[in-house]
Amino acid sequence: MMTSKVELINSFDHCITASVTDSISDIARQFALAQTKYGWDQAIEGLAMAFVIAENRRRFLETELAKH
């Protein structure tokens, strides 16, 4: 189960890091695929975790850039 969760988060993470226009369509497409493969609850959880990871990554980078 852990591998499928990691795959799910990674698939959303790749969508989030794309440009805004591409991200929206990619996320919608990925969500539909994830919902079919894993179910609604897992798709929502994967998307939410990917957003949290992306936000934490952004904050870390901002902090690192502020140091220099």
N, C-alpha and C. Protein backbone atom coordinates (compact mmCIF):
# COMPACT_ATOMS: atom_id res chain seq x y z
N MET A 1 0.82 -1.20 0.00
CA MET A 1 0.00 0.00 0.00
C MET A 1 0.86 1.25 0.00
N MET A 2 2.02 1.21 0.68
CA MET A 2 2.87 2.37 0.76
C MET A 2 3.38 2.78 -0.63
N THR A 3 3.74 1.81 -1.44
CA THR A 3 4.23 2.12 -2.78
C THR A 3 3.17 2.84 -3.60
N SER A 4 1.94 2.39 -3.53
CA SER A 4 0.88 3.05 -4.30
C SER A 4 0.65 4.47 -3.79
N LYS A 5 0.78 4.71 -2.48
CA LYS A 5 0.61 6.04 -1.93
C LYS A 5 1.75 6.96 -2.39
N VAL A 6 2.95 6.43 -2.40
CA VAL A 6 4.10 7.21 -2.87
C VAL A 6 3.94 7.53 -4.35
N GLU A 7 3.53 6.56 -5.13
CA GLU A 7 3.29 6.79 -6.56
C GLU A 7 2.22 7.86 -6.77
N LEU A 8 1.17 7.78 -5.99
CA LEU A 8 0.07 8.74 -6.10
C LEU A 8 0.55 10.15 -5.78
N ILE A 9 1.27 10.31 -4.69
CA ILE A 9 1.78 11.63 -4.30
C ILE A 9 2.75 12.15 -5.36
N ASN A 10 3.64 11.31 -5.84
CA ASN A 10 4.60 11.72 -6.86
C ASN A 10 3.91 12.16 -8.14
N SER A 11 2.85 11.47 -8.52
CA SER A 11 2.16 11.84 -9.75
C SER A 11 1.52 13.22 -9.63
N PHE A 12 0.98 13.54 -8.45
CA PHE A 12 0.43 14.87 -8.24
C PHE A 12 1.54 15.91 -8.10
N ASP A 13 2.62 15.53 -7.44
CA ASP A 13 3.74 16.46 -7.24
C ASP A 13 4.28 16.93 -8.58
N HIS A 14 4.41 16.05 -9.53
CA HIS A 14 4.90 16.44 -10.86
C HIS A 14 3.95 17.43 -11.52
N CYS A 15 2.67 17.28 -11.30
CA CYS A 15 1.67 18.22 -11.85
C CYS A 15 1.80 19.59 -11.21
N ILE A 16 1.99 19.62 -9.91
CA ILE A 16 2.03 20.87 -9.16
C ILE A 16 3.25 21.71 -9.54
N THR A 17 4.35 21.06 -9.86
CA THR A 17 5.57 21.80 -10.16
C THR A 17 5.61 22.32 -11.59
N ALA A 18 4.64 22.00 -12.39
CA ALA A 18 4.57 22.51 -13.76
C ALA A 18 4.07 23.95 -13.73
N SER A 19 3.96 24.58 -14.89
CA SER A 19 3.43 25.94 -14.94
C SER A 19 1.97 25.93 -14.49
N VAL A 20 1.45 27.09 -14.14
CA VAL A 20 0.09 27.18 -13.60
C VAL A 20 -0.93 26.62 -14.57
N THR A 21 -0.88 27.03 -15.81
CA THR A 21 -1.86 26.55 -16.80
C THR A 21 -1.75 25.05 -16.98
N ASP A 22 -0.53 24.57 -17.11
CA ASP A 22 -0.33 23.13 -17.27
C ASP A 22 -0.72 22.38 -16.00
N SER A 23 -0.42 22.97 -14.84
CA SER A 23 -0.72 22.31 -13.57
C SER A 23 -2.21 22.03 -13.42
N ILE A 24 -3.03 23.00 -13.72
CA ILE A 24 -4.48 22.85 -13.53
C ILE A 24 -5.01 21.70 -14.37
N SER A 25 -4.66 21.68 -15.64
CA SER A 25 -5.16 20.59 -16.49
C SER A 25 -4.53 19.25 -16.11
N ASP A 26 -3.25 19.28 -15.75
CA ASP A 26 -2.58 18.03 -15.35
C ASP A 26 -3.17 17.48 -14.05
N ILE A 27 -3.44 18.36 -13.10
CA ILE A 27 -4.01 17.92 -11.83
C ILE A 27 -5.40 17.33 -12.05
N ALA A 28 -6.21 17.99 -12.86
CA ALA A 28 -7.55 17.46 -13.15
C ALA A 28 -7.47 16.09 -13.80
N ARG A 29 -6.58 15.94 -14.75
CA ARG A 29 -6.42 14.66 -15.45
C ARG A 29 -5.89 13.60 -14.48
N GLN A 30 -4.89 13.97 -13.68
CA GLN A 30 -4.31 13.02 -12.73
C GLN A 30 -5.31 12.63 -11.66
N PHE A 31 -6.14 13.59 -11.23
CA PHE A 31 -7.14 13.28 -10.21
C PHE A 31 -8.14 12.26 -10.74
N ALA A 32 -8.57 12.44 -11.98
CA ALA A 32 -9.50 11.48 -12.58
C ALA A 32 -8.89 10.09 -12.64
N LEU A 33 -7.63 10.02 -13.03
CA LEU A 33 -6.94 8.72 -13.08
C LEU A 33 -6.79 8.11 -11.68
N ALA A 34 -6.40 8.95 -10.72
CA ALA A 34 -6.20 8.46 -9.35
C ALA A 34 -7.51 8.01 -8.74
N GLN A 35 -8.57 8.74 -9.01
CA GLN A 35 -9.87 8.38 -8.46
C GLN A 35 -10.31 7.02 -9.01
N THR A 36 -10.07 6.78 -10.28
CA THR A 36 -10.42 5.50 -10.88
C THR A 36 -9.58 4.36 -10.30
N LYS A 37 -8.28 4.63 -10.13
CA LYS A 37 -7.38 3.58 -9.66
C LYS A 37 -7.44 3.34 -8.16
N TYR A 38 -7.53 4.44 -7.36
CA TYR A 38 -7.42 4.33 -5.90
C TYR A 38 -8.70 4.65 -5.14
N GLY A 39 -9.65 5.30 -5.79
CA GLY A 39 -10.87 5.73 -5.12
C GLY A 39 -10.78 7.19 -4.71
N TRP A 40 -11.94 7.78 -4.43
CA TRP A 40 -12.05 9.21 -4.12
C TRP A 40 -11.19 9.61 -2.91
N ASP A 41 -11.32 8.89 -1.81
CA ASP A 41 -10.61 9.26 -0.58
C ASP A 41 -9.10 9.26 -0.77
N GLN A 42 -8.58 8.25 -1.41
CA GLN A 42 -7.13 8.17 -1.64
C GLN A 42 -6.66 9.26 -2.61
N ALA A 43 -7.48 9.56 -3.61
CA ALA A 43 -7.12 10.61 -4.57
C ALA A 43 -7.05 11.97 -3.87
N ILE A 44 -8.03 12.25 -3.02
CA ILE A 44 -8.02 13.51 -2.25
C ILE A 44 -6.81 13.56 -1.33
N GLU A 45 -6.54 12.47 -0.63
CA GLU A 45 -5.41 12.42 0.29
C GLU A 45 -4.09 12.62 -0.45
N GLY A 46 -3.93 11.97 -1.58
CA GLY A 46 -2.70 12.12 -2.37
C GLY A 46 -2.51 13.54 -2.87
N LEU A 47 -3.58 14.15 -3.34
CA LEU A 47 -3.51 15.53 -3.82
C LEU A 47 -3.16 16.48 -2.68
N ALA A 48 -3.81 16.31 -1.55
CA ALA A 48 -3.54 17.18 -0.40
C ALA A 48 -2.10 17.03 0.08
N MET A 49 -1.61 15.81 0.16
CA MET A 49 -0.24 15.60 0.62
C MET A 49 0.76 16.18 -0.38
N ALA A 50 0.47 16.09 -1.66
CA ALA A 50 1.36 16.67 -2.66
C ALA A 50 1.41 18.19 -2.54
N PHE A 51 0.27 18.83 -2.25
CA PHE A 51 0.26 20.27 -2.05
C PHE A 51 1.05 20.66 -0.80
N VAL A 52 0.91 19.90 0.26
CA VAL A 52 1.67 20.18 1.49
C VAL A 52 3.17 20.05 1.22
N ILE A 53 3.57 19.01 0.53
CA ILE A 53 4.98 18.81 0.20
C ILE A 53 5.49 19.96 -0.66
N ALA A 54 4.71 20.36 -1.66
CA ALA A 54 5.12 21.47 -2.53
C ALA A 54 5.24 22.77 -1.75
N GLU A 55 4.32 23.03 -0.84
CA GLU A 55 4.37 24.25 -0.04
C GLU A 55 5.58 24.22 0.90
N ASN A 56 5.86 23.09 1.51
CA ASN A 56 7.03 22.98 2.38
C ASN A 56 8.33 23.17 1.59
N ARG A 57 8.36 22.64 0.39
CA ARG A 57 9.53 22.82 -0.47
C ARG A 57 9.71 24.30 -0.81
N ARG A 58 8.62 24.98 -1.13
CA ARG A 58 8.68 26.41 -1.46
C ARG A 58 9.19 27.22 -0.26
N ARG A 59 8.66 26.93 0.91
CA ARG A 59 9.09 27.65 2.12
C ARG A 59 10.57 27.41 2.41
N PHE A 60 11.01 26.19 2.25
CA PHE A 60 12.42 25.87 2.47
C PHE A 60 13.30 26.67 1.50
N LEU A 61 12.92 26.69 0.23
CA LEU A 61 13.71 27.43 -0.75
C LEU A 61 13.73 28.92 -0.45
N GLU A 62 12.60 29.48 -0.04
CA GLU A 62 12.57 30.90 0.32
C GLU A 62 13.49 31.18 1.50
N THR A 63 13.48 30.31 2.49
CA THR A 63 14.34 30.47 3.66
C THR A 63 15.81 30.40 3.26
N GLU A 64 16.14 29.44 2.42
CA GLU A 64 17.52 29.28 1.97
C GLU A 64 17.97 30.50 1.17
N LEU A 65 17.11 31.00 0.31
CA LEU A 65 17.48 32.18 -0.50
C LEU A 65 17.63 33.42 0.38
N ALA A 66 16.84 33.53 1.42
CA ALA A 66 16.94 34.67 2.33
C ALA A 66 18.25 34.67 3.11
N LYS A 67 18.84 33.52 3.28
CA LYS A 67 20.10 33.40 4.01
C LYS A 67 21.28 33.98 3.22
N HIS A 68 21.15 34.03 1.90
CA HIS A 68 22.27 34.46 1.06
C HIS A 68 22.13 35.86 0.60
